[in-house]
mmCIF file of all heavy atoms, coordinates in Angstrom:
data_MODEL
# 
_entry.id   MODEL 
# 
loop_
_atom_site.group_PDB 
_atom_site.id 
_atom_site.type_symbol 
_atom_site.label_atom_id 
_atom_site.label_alt_id 
_atom_site.label_comp_id 
_atom_site.label_asym_id 
_atom_site.label_entity_id 
_atom_site.label_seq_id 
_atom_site.pdbx_PDB_ins_code 
_atom_site.Cartn_x 
_atom_site.Cartn_y 
_atom_site.Cartn_z 
_atom_site.occupancy 
_atom_site.B_iso_or_equiv 
_atom_site.pdbx_formal_charge 
_atom_site.auth_seq_id 
_atom_site.auth_comp_id 
_atom_site.auth_asym_id 
_atom_site.auth_atom_id 
_atom_site.pdbx_PDB_model_num 
ATOM 1   N N   . VAL A 1 1  ? 55.814 197.267 169.226 1.00 0.00 ? 1  VAL A N   1 
ATOM 2   C CA  . VAL A 1 1  ? 54.629 196.556 168.729 1.00 0.00 ? 1  VAL A CA  1 
ATOM 3   C C   . VAL A 1 1  ? 54.304 197.044 167.299 1.00 0.00 ? 1  VAL A C   1 
ATOM 4   O O   . VAL A 1 1  ? 54.155 198.232 167.071 1.00 0.00 ? 1  VAL A O   1 
ATOM 5   C CB  . VAL A 1 1  ? 53.418 196.747 169.637 1.00 0.00 ? 1  VAL A CB  1 
ATOM 6   C CG1 . VAL A 1 1  ? 52.250 195.915 169.095 1.00 0.00 ? 1  VAL A CG1 1 
ATOM 7   C CG2 . VAL A 1 1  ? 53.756 196.393 171.074 1.00 0.00 ? 1  VAL A CG2 1 
ATOM 8   N N   . ALA A 1 2  ? 54.193 196.119 166.354 1.00 0.00 ? 2  ALA A N   1 
ATOM 9   C CA  . ALA A 1 2  ? 53.902 196.399 164.980 1.00 0.00 ? 2  ALA A CA  1 
ATOM 10  C C   . ALA A 1 2  ? 52.457 196.873 164.839 1.00 0.00 ? 2  ALA A C   1 
ATOM 11  O O   . ALA A 1 2  ? 51.610 196.444 165.659 1.00 0.00 ? 2  ALA A O   1 
ATOM 12  C CB  . ALA A 1 2  ? 54.187 195.236 164.087 1.00 0.00 ? 2  ALA A CB  1 
ATOM 13  N N   . PRO A 1 3  ? 52.118 197.613 163.788 1.00 0.00 ? 3  PRO A N   1 
ATOM 14  C CA  . PRO A 1 3  ? 50.738 198.114 163.639 1.00 0.00 ? 3  PRO A CA  1 
ATOM 15  C C   . PRO A 1 3  ? 49.658 197.011 163.580 1.00 0.00 ? 3  PRO A C   1 
ATOM 16  O O   . PRO A 1 3  ? 48.586 197.141 164.166 1.00 0.00 ? 3  PRO A O   1 
ATOM 17  C CB  . PRO A 1 3  ? 50.784 198.867 162.295 1.00 0.00 ? 3  PRO A CB  1 
ATOM 18  C CG  . PRO A 1 3  ? 52.238 199.216 162.120 1.00 0.00 ? 3  PRO A CG  1 
ATOM 19  C CD  . PRO A 1 3  ? 53.034 198.150 162.806 1.00 0.00 ? 3  PRO A CD  1 
ATOM 20  N N   . ALA A 1 4  ? 49.957 195.902 162.884 1.00 0.00 ? 4  ALA A N   1 
ATOM 21  C CA  . ALA A 1 4  ? 48.916 194.871 162.666 1.00 0.00 ? 4  ALA A CA  1 
ATOM 22  C C   . ALA A 1 4  ? 48.604 194.101 163.908 1.00 0.00 ? 4  ALA A C   1 
ATOM 23  O O   . ALA A 1 4  ? 47.511 193.449 163.983 1.00 0.00 ? 4  ALA A O   1 
ATOM 24  C CB  . ALA A 1 4  ? 49.372 193.891 161.567 1.00 0.00 ? 4  ALA A CB  1 
ATOM 25  N N   . ILE A 1 5  ? 49.444 194.158 164.916 1.00 0.00 ? 5  ILE A N   1 
ATOM 26  C CA  . ILE A 1 5  ? 49.216 193.328 166.146 1.00 0.00 ? 5  ILE A CA  1 
ATOM 27  C C   . ILE A 1 5  ? 47.927 193.786 166.826 1.00 0.00 ? 5  ILE A C   1 
ATOM 28  O O   . ILE A 1 5  ? 47.142 192.989 167.308 1.00 0.00 ? 5  ILE A O   1 
ATOM 29  C CB  . ILE A 1 5  ? 50.408 193.477 167.117 1.00 0.00 ? 5  ILE A CB  1 
ATOM 30  C CG1 . ILE A 1 5  ? 51.699 193.114 166.407 1.00 0.00 ? 5  ILE A CG1 1 
ATOM 31  C CG2 . ILE A 1 5  ? 50.144 192.570 168.351 1.00 0.00 ? 5  ILE A CG2 1 
ATOM 32  C CD1 . ILE A 1 5  ? 51.796 191.708 165.912 1.00 0.00 ? 5  ILE A CD1 1 
ATOM 33  N N   . ARG A 1 6  ? 47.750 195.140 166.898 1.00 0.00 ? 6  ARG A N   1 
ATOM 34  C CA  . ARG A 1 6  ? 46.615 195.675 167.700 1.00 0.00 ? 6  ARG A CA  1 
ATOM 35  C C   . ARG A 1 6  ? 45.273 195.268 167.135 1.00 0.00 ? 6  ARG A C   1 
ATOM 36  O O   . ARG A 1 6  ? 44.265 195.355 167.855 1.00 0.00 ? 6  ARG A O   1 
ATOM 37  C CB  . ARG A 1 6  ? 46.775 197.216 167.770 1.00 0.00 ? 6  ARG A CB  1 
ATOM 38  C CG  . ARG A 1 6  ? 46.748 197.933 166.500 1.00 0.00 ? 6  ARG A CG  1 
ATOM 39  C CD  . ARG A 1 6  ? 47.573 199.198 166.566 1.00 0.00 ? 6  ARG A CD  1 
ATOM 40  N NE  . ARG A 1 6  ? 49.022 198.880 166.636 1.00 0.00 ? 6  ARG A NE  1 
ATOM 41  C CZ  . ARG A 1 6  ? 49.962 199.691 167.088 1.00 0.00 ? 6  ARG A CZ  1 
ATOM 42  N NH1 . ARG A 1 6  ? 49.625 200.888 167.515 1.00 0.00 ? 6  ARG A NH1 1 
ATOM 43  N NH2 . ARG A 1 6  ? 51.200 199.329 167.079 1.00 0.00 ? 6  ARG A NH2 1 
ATOM 44  N N   . ALA A 1 7  ? 45.214 194.873 165.898 1.00 0.00 ? 7  ALA A N   1 
ATOM 45  C CA  . ALA A 1 7  ? 43.946 194.500 165.255 1.00 0.00 ? 7  ALA A CA  1 
ATOM 46  C C   . ALA A 1 7  ? 43.680 193.010 165.307 1.00 0.00 ? 7  ALA A C   1 
ATOM 47  O O   . ALA A 1 7  ? 42.669 192.556 164.841 1.00 0.00 ? 7  ALA A O   1 
ATOM 48  C CB  . ALA A 1 7  ? 43.879 195.009 163.843 1.00 0.00 ? 7  ALA A CB  1 
ATOM 49  N N   . ALA A 1 8  ? 44.656 192.204 165.800 1.00 0.00 ? 8  ALA A N   1 
ATOM 50  C CA  . ALA A 1 8  ? 44.519 190.766 165.764 1.00 0.00 ? 8  ALA A CA  1 
ATOM 51  C C   . ALA A 1 8  ? 44.816 190.055 167.134 1.00 0.00 ? 8  ALA A C   1 
ATOM 52  O O   . ALA A 1 8  ? 44.317 188.970 167.353 1.00 0.00 ? 8  ALA A O   1 
ATOM 53  C CB  . ALA A 1 8  ? 45.468 190.160 164.704 1.00 0.00 ? 8  ALA A CB  1 
ATOM 54  N N   . PHE A 1 9  ? 45.539 190.749 167.999 1.00 0.00 ? 9  PHE A N   1 
ATOM 55  C CA  . PHE A 1 9  ? 45.996 190.066 169.235 1.00 0.00 ? 9  PHE A CA  1 
ATOM 56  C C   . PHE A 1 9  ? 44.832 189.621 170.083 1.00 0.00 ? 9  PHE A C   1 
ATOM 57  O O   . PHE A 1 9  ? 44.873 188.571 170.702 1.00 0.00 ? 9  PHE A O   1 
ATOM 58  C CB  . PHE A 1 9  ? 46.882 191.040 170.016 1.00 0.00 ? 9  PHE A CB  1 
ATOM 59  C CG  . PHE A 1 9  ? 47.572 190.384 171.178 1.00 0.00 ? 9  PHE A CG  1 
ATOM 60  C CD1 . PHE A 1 9  ? 48.596 189.496 171.000 1.00 0.00 ? 9  PHE A CD1 1 
ATOM 61  C CD2 . PHE A 1 9  ? 47.191 190.704 172.481 1.00 0.00 ? 9  PHE A CD2 1 
ATOM 62  C CE1 . PHE A 1 9  ? 49.211 188.862 172.082 1.00 0.00 ? 9  PHE A CE1 1 
ATOM 63  C CE2 . PHE A 1 9  ? 47.830 190.141 173.570 1.00 0.00 ? 9  PHE A CE2 1 
ATOM 64  C CZ  . PHE A 1 9  ? 48.850 189.202 173.386 1.00 0.00 ? 9  PHE A CZ  1 
ATOM 65  N N   . GLY A 1 10 ? 43.754 190.350 170.101 1.00 0.00 ? 10 GLY A N   1 
ATOM 66  C CA  . GLY A 1 10 ? 42.606 190.034 170.928 1.00 0.00 ? 10 GLY A CA  1 
ATOM 67  C C   . GLY A 1 10 ? 41.992 188.687 170.581 1.00 0.00 ? 10 GLY A C   1 
ATOM 68  O O   . GLY A 1 10 ? 41.394 188.025 171.411 1.00 0.00 ? 10 GLY A O   1 
ATOM 69  N N   . GLU A 1 11 ? 42.186 188.250 169.322 1.00 0.00 ? 11 GLU A N   1 
ATOM 70  C CA  . GLU A 1 11 ? 41.636 186.965 168.935 1.00 0.00 ? 11 GLU A CA  1 
ATOM 71  C C   . GLU A 1 11 ? 42.185 185.773 169.735 1.00 0.00 ? 11 GLU A C   1 
ATOM 72  O O   . GLU A 1 11 ? 41.518 184.757 169.942 1.00 0.00 ? 11 GLU A O   1 
ATOM 73  C CB  . GLU A 1 11 ? 41.896 186.701 167.427 1.00 0.00 ? 11 GLU A CB  1 
ATOM 74  C CG  . GLU A 1 11 ? 41.192 187.701 166.494 1.00 0.00 ? 11 GLU A CG  1 
ATOM 75  C CD  . GLU A 1 11 ? 41.716 187.611 165.062 1.00 0.00 ? 11 GLU A CD  1 
ATOM 76  O OE1 . GLU A 1 11 ? 42.004 186.510 164.587 1.00 0.00 ? 11 GLU A OE1 1 
ATOM 77  O OE2 . GLU A 1 11 ? 41.815 188.688 164.433 1.00 0.00 ? 11 GLU A OE2 1 
ATOM 78  N N   . GLU A 1 12 ? 43.405 185.935 170.228 1.00 0.00 ? 12 GLU A N   1 
ATOM 79  C CA  . GLU A 1 12 ? 44.025 184.886 171.052 1.00 0.00 ? 12 GLU A CA  1 
ATOM 80  C C   . GLU A 1 12 ? 43.356 184.802 172.419 1.00 0.00 ? 12 GLU A C   1 
ATOM 81  O O   . GLU A 1 12 ? 43.608 183.844 173.171 1.00 0.00 ? 12 GLU A O   1 
ATOM 82  C CB  . GLU A 1 12 ? 45.538 185.181 171.217 1.00 0.00 ? 12 GLU A CB  1 
ATOM 83  C CG  . GLU A 1 12 ? 46.297 185.030 169.900 1.00 0.00 ? 12 GLU A CG  1 
ATOM 84  C CD  . GLU A 1 12 ? 46.572 183.570 169.528 1.00 0.00 ? 12 GLU A CD  1 
ATOM 85  O OE1 . GLU A 1 12 ? 46.259 182.682 170.388 1.00 0.00 ? 12 GLU A OE1 1 
ATOM 86  O OE2 . GLU A 1 12 ? 46.991 183.309 168.385 1.00 0.00 ? 12 GLU A OE2 1 
ATOM 87  N N   . PHE A 1 13 ? 42.523 185.784 172.765 1.00 0.00 ? 13 PHE A N   1 
ATOM 88  C CA  . PHE A 1 13 ? 41.909 185.810 174.057 1.00 0.00 ? 13 PHE A CA  1 
ATOM 89  C C   . PHE A 1 13 ? 40.392 185.865 173.959 1.00 0.00 ? 13 PHE A C   1 
ATOM 90  O O   . PHE A 1 13 ? 39.701 186.242 174.919 1.00 0.00 ? 13 PHE A O   1 
ATOM 91  C CB  . PHE A 1 13 ? 42.407 187.024 174.884 1.00 0.00 ? 13 PHE A CB  1 
ATOM 92  C CG  . PHE A 1 13 ? 43.870 186.931 175.171 1.00 0.00 ? 13 PHE A CG  1 
ATOM 93  C CD1 . PHE A 1 13 ? 44.797 187.370 174.255 1.00 0.00 ? 13 PHE A CD1 1 
ATOM 94  C CD2 . PHE A 1 13 ? 44.304 186.307 176.311 1.00 0.00 ? 13 PHE A CD2 1 
ATOM 95  C CE1 . PHE A 1 13 ? 46.174 187.331 174.477 1.00 0.00 ? 13 PHE A CE1 1 
ATOM 96  C CE2 . PHE A 1 13 ? 45.690 186.221 176.579 1.00 0.00 ? 13 PHE A CE2 1 
ATOM 97  C CZ  . PHE A 1 13 ? 46.613 186.718 175.646 1.00 0.00 ? 13 PHE A CZ  1 
ATOM 98  N N   . GLY A 1 14 ? 39.842 185.415 172.811 1.00 0.00 ? 14 GLY A N   1 
ATOM 99  C CA  . GLY A 1 14 ? 38.422 185.299 172.683 1.00 0.00 ? 14 GLY A CA  1 
ATOM 100 C C   . GLY A 1 14 ? 37.705 186.484 172.113 1.00 0.00 ? 14 GLY A C   1 
ATOM 101 O O   . GLY A 1 14 ? 36.486 186.484 171.947 1.00 0.00 ? 14 GLY A O   1 
ATOM 102 N N   . TYR A 1 15 ? 38.416 187.603 171.845 1.00 0.00 ? 15 TYR A N   1 
ATOM 103 C CA  . TYR A 1 15 ? 37.796 188.744 171.279 1.00 0.00 ? 15 TYR A CA  1 
ATOM 104 C C   . TYR A 1 15 ? 37.430 188.467 169.792 1.00 0.00 ? 15 TYR A C   1 
ATOM 105 O O   . TYR A 1 15 ? 38.067 187.663 169.129 1.00 0.00 ? 15 TYR A O   1 
ATOM 106 C CB  . TYR A 1 15 ? 38.696 189.948 171.275 1.00 0.00 ? 15 TYR A CB  1 
ATOM 107 C CG  . TYR A 1 15 ? 38.847 190.607 172.630 1.00 0.00 ? 15 TYR A CG  1 
ATOM 108 C CD1 . TYR A 1 15 ? 39.894 190.264 173.488 1.00 0.00 ? 15 TYR A CD1 1 
ATOM 109 C CD2 . TYR A 1 15 ? 37.919 191.584 173.025 1.00 0.00 ? 15 TYR A CD2 1 
ATOM 110 C CE1 . TYR A 1 15 ? 40.034 190.878 174.729 1.00 0.00 ? 15 TYR A CE1 1 
ATOM 111 C CE2 . TYR A 1 15 ? 38.069 192.220 174.254 1.00 0.00 ? 15 TYR A CE2 1 
ATOM 112 C CZ  . TYR A 1 15 ? 39.148 191.857 175.129 1.00 0.00 ? 15 TYR A CZ  1 
ATOM 113 O OH  . TYR A 1 15 ? 39.252 192.456 176.328 1.00 0.00 ? 15 TYR A OH  1 
ATOM 114 N N   . ALA A 1 16 ? 36.396 189.132 169.314 1.00 0.00 ? 16 ALA A N   1 
ATOM 115 C CA  . ALA A 1 16 ? 35.974 188.987 167.894 1.00 0.00 ? 16 ALA A CA  1 
ATOM 116 C C   . ALA A 1 16 ? 37.098 189.555 167.004 1.00 0.00 ? 16 ALA A C   1 
ATOM 117 O O   . ALA A 1 16 ? 37.755 190.504 167.323 1.00 0.00 ? 16 ALA A O   1 
ATOM 118 C CB  . ALA A 1 16 ? 34.684 189.700 167.666 1.00 0.00 ? 16 ALA A CB  1 
ATOM 119 N N   . PRO A 1 17 ? 37.284 188.889 165.825 1.00 0.00 ? 17 PRO A N   1 
ATOM 120 C CA  . PRO A 1 17 ? 38.292 189.463 164.906 1.00 0.00 ? 17 PRO A CA  1 
ATOM 121 C C   . PRO A 1 17 ? 37.980 190.950 164.601 1.00 0.00 ? 17 PRO A C   1 
ATOM 122 O O   . PRO A 1 17 ? 36.783 191.306 164.428 1.00 0.00 ? 17 PRO A O   1 
ATOM 123 C CB  . PRO A 1 17 ? 38.102 188.554 163.654 1.00 0.00 ? 17 PRO A CB  1 
ATOM 124 C CG  . PRO A 1 17 ? 37.601 187.268 164.172 1.00 0.00 ? 17 PRO A CG  1 
ATOM 125 C CD  . PRO A 1 17 ? 36.709 187.632 165.332 1.00 0.00 ? 17 PRO A CD  1 
ATOM 126 N N   . GLY A 1 18 ? 39.022 191.700 164.510 1.00 0.00 ? 18 GLY A N   1 
ATOM 127 C CA  . GLY A 1 18 ? 38.837 193.130 164.213 1.00 0.00 ? 18 GLY A CA  1 
ATOM 128 C C   . GLY A 1 18 ? 38.644 193.998 165.473 1.00 0.00 ? 18 GLY A C   1 
ATOM 129 O O   . GLY A 1 18 ? 38.416 195.210 165.365 1.00 0.00 ? 18 GLY A O   1 
ATOM 130 N N   . THR A 1 19 ? 38.824 193.422 166.630 1.00 0.00 ? 19 THR A N   1 
ATOM 131 C CA  . THR A 1 19 ? 38.702 194.183 167.884 1.00 0.00 ? 19 THR A CA  1 
ATOM 132 C C   . THR A 1 19 ? 40.033 194.838 168.164 1.00 0.00 ? 19 THR A C   1 
ATOM 133 O O   . THR A 1 19 ? 41.107 194.131 168.228 1.00 0.00 ? 19 THR A O   1 
ATOM 134 C CB  . THR A 1 19 ? 38.289 193.272 169.062 1.00 0.00 ? 19 THR A CB  1 
ATOM 135 O OG1 . THR A 1 19 ? 37.051 192.647 168.818 1.00 0.00 ? 19 THR A OG1 1 
ATOM 136 C CG2 . THR A 1 19 ? 38.183 194.083 170.363 1.00 0.00 ? 19 THR A CG2 1 
ATOM 137 N N   . LEU A 1 20 ? 40.050 196.128 168.360 1.00 0.00 ? 20 LEU A N   1 
ATOM 138 C CA  . LEU A 1 20 ? 41.317 196.842 168.647 1.00 0.00 ? 20 LEU A CA  1 
ATOM 139 C C   . LEU A 1 20 ? 41.618 196.702 170.153 1.00 0.00 ? 20 LEU A C   1 
ATOM 140 O O   . LEU A 1 20 ? 40.776 196.964 170.982 1.00 0.00 ? 20 LEU A O   1 
ATOM 141 C CB  . LEU A 1 20 ? 41.198 198.307 168.270 1.00 0.00 ? 20 LEU A CB  1 
ATOM 142 C CG  . LEU A 1 20 ? 41.175 198.578 166.760 1.00 0.00 ? 20 LEU A CG  1 
ATOM 143 C CD1 . LEU A 1 20 ? 40.688 199.986 166.464 1.00 0.00 ? 20 LEU A CD1 1 
ATOM 144 C CD2 . LEU A 1 20 ? 42.574 198.406 166.187 1.00 0.00 ? 20 LEU A CD2 1 
ATOM 145 N N   . VAL A 1 21 ? 42.842 196.297 170.454 1.00 0.00 ? 21 VAL A N   1 
ATOM 146 C CA  . VAL A 1 21 ? 43.225 196.110 171.887 1.00 0.00 ? 21 VAL A CA  1 
ATOM 147 C C   . VAL A 1 21 ? 44.543 196.890 172.152 1.00 0.00 ? 21 VAL A C   1 
ATOM 148 O O   . VAL A 1 21 ? 45.363 196.425 172.958 1.00 0.00 ? 21 VAL A O   1 
ATOM 149 C CB  . VAL A 1 21 ? 43.369 194.672 172.216 1.00 0.00 ? 21 VAL A CB  1 
ATOM 150 C CG1 . VAL A 1 21 ? 42.030 193.942 172.180 1.00 0.00 ? 21 VAL A CG1 1 
ATOM 151 C CG2 . VAL A 1 21 ? 44.383 193.968 171.272 1.00 0.00 ? 21 VAL A CG2 1 
ATOM 152 N N   . THR A 1 22 ? 44.727 198.044 171.512 1.00 0.00 ? 22 THR A N   1 
ATOM 153 C CA  . THR A 1 22 ? 46.011 198.755 171.549 1.00 0.00 ? 22 THR A CA  1 
ATOM 154 C C   . THR A 1 22 ? 46.417 199.042 173.026 1.00 0.00 ? 22 THR A C   1 
ATOM 155 O O   . THR A 1 22 ? 47.532 198.798 173.413 1.00 0.00 ? 22 THR A O   1 
ATOM 156 C CB  . THR A 1 22 ? 45.892 200.081 170.762 1.00 0.00 ? 22 THR A CB  1 
ATOM 157 O OG1 . THR A 1 22 ? 45.336 199.817 169.498 1.00 0.00 ? 22 THR A OG1 1 
ATOM 158 C CG2 . THR A 1 22 ? 47.290 200.707 170.594 1.00 0.00 ? 22 THR A CG2 1 
ATOM 159 N N   . GLY A 1 23 ? 45.499 199.638 173.772 1.00 0.00 ? 23 GLY A N   1 
ATOM 160 C CA  . GLY A 1 23 ? 45.807 200.032 175.135 1.00 0.00 ? 23 GLY A CA  1 
ATOM 161 C C   . GLY A 1 23 ? 46.055 198.901 176.061 1.00 0.00 ? 23 GLY A C   1 
ATOM 162 O O   . GLY A 1 23 ? 46.987 198.932 176.907 1.00 0.00 ? 23 GLY A O   1 
ATOM 163 N N   . GLN A 1 24 ? 45.223 197.852 175.958 1.00 0.00 ? 24 GLN A N   1 
ATOM 164 C CA  . GLN A 1 24 ? 45.486 196.660 176.781 1.00 0.00 ? 24 GLN A CA  1 
ATOM 165 C C   . GLN A 1 24 ? 46.804 196.009 176.476 1.00 0.00 ? 24 GLN A C   1 
ATOM 166 O O   . GLN A 1 24 ? 47.477 195.446 177.333 1.00 0.00 ? 24 GLN A O   1 
ATOM 167 C CB  . GLN A 1 24 ? 44.373 195.674 176.532 1.00 0.00 ? 24 GLN A CB  1 
ATOM 168 C CG  . GLN A 1 24 ? 42.987 196.098 177.071 1.00 0.00 ? 24 GLN A CG  1 
ATOM 169 C CD  . GLN A 1 24 ? 41.860 195.269 176.471 1.00 0.00 ? 24 GLN A CD  1 
ATOM 170 O OE1 . GLN A 1 24 ? 41.342 195.556 175.435 1.00 0.00 ? 24 GLN A OE1 1 
ATOM 171 N NE2 . GLN A 1 24 ? 41.490 194.221 177.165 1.00 0.00 ? 24 GLN A NE2 1 
ATOM 172 N N   . LEU A 1 25 ? 47.195 196.043 175.206 1.00 0.00 ? 25 LEU A N   1 
ATOM 173 C CA  . LEU A 1 25 ? 48.434 195.438 174.765 1.00 0.00 ? 25 LEU A CA  1 
ATOM 174 C C   . LEU A 1 25 ? 49.626 196.120 175.429 1.00 0.00 ? 25 LEU A C   1 
ATOM 175 O O   . LEU A 1 25 ? 50.546 195.490 175.939 1.00 0.00 ? 25 LEU A O   1 
ATOM 176 C CB  . LEU A 1 25 ? 48.523 195.556 173.241 1.00 0.00 ? 25 LEU A CB  1 
ATOM 177 C CG  . LEU A 1 25 ? 49.662 194.831 172.491 1.00 0.00 ? 25 LEU A CG  1 
ATOM 178 C CD1 . LEU A 1 25 ? 49.712 193.372 172.876 1.00 0.00 ? 25 LEU A CD1 1 
ATOM 179 C CD2 . LEU A 1 25 ? 49.484 195.015 171.015 1.00 0.00 ? 25 LEU A CD2 1 
ATOM 180 N N   . ALA A 1 26 ? 49.605 197.466 175.453 1.00 0.00 ? 26 ALA A N   1 
ATOM 181 C CA  . ALA A 1 26 ? 50.645 198.179 176.113 1.00 0.00 ? 26 ALA A CA  1 
ATOM 182 C C   . ALA A 1 26 ? 50.710 197.860 177.590 1.00 0.00 ? 26 ALA A C   1 
ATOM 183 O O   . ALA A 1 26 ? 51.851 197.670 178.142 1.00 0.00 ? 26 ALA A O   1 
ATOM 184 C CB  . ALA A 1 26 ? 50.446 199.681 175.914 1.00 0.00 ? 26 ALA A CB  1 
ATOM 185 N N   . THR A 1 27 ? 49.605 197.722 178.252 1.00 0.00 ? 27 THR A N   1 
ATOM 186 C CA  . THR A 1 27 ? 49.564 197.382 179.668 1.00 0.00 ? 27 THR A CA  1 
ATOM 187 C C   . THR A 1 27 ? 50.109 195.999 179.894 1.00 0.00 ? 27 THR A C   1 
ATOM 188 O O   . THR A 1 27 ? 50.887 195.719 180.831 1.00 0.00 ? 27 THR A O   1 
ATOM 189 C CB  . THR A 1 27 ? 48.132 197.485 180.207 1.00 0.00 ? 27 THR A CB  1 
ATOM 190 O OG1 . THR A 1 27 ? 47.611 198.789 179.958 1.00 0.00 ? 27 THR A OG1 1 
ATOM 191 C CG2 . THR A 1 27 ? 48.104 197.150 181.688 1.00 0.00 ? 27 THR A CG2 1 
# 
């Protein structure tokens, strides 16, 4: 997973921009 993914991936699931989802992403 690239660095920038963890700061943007949550937007695809309704999270506010800038929400970090690093741990959920790994899961």
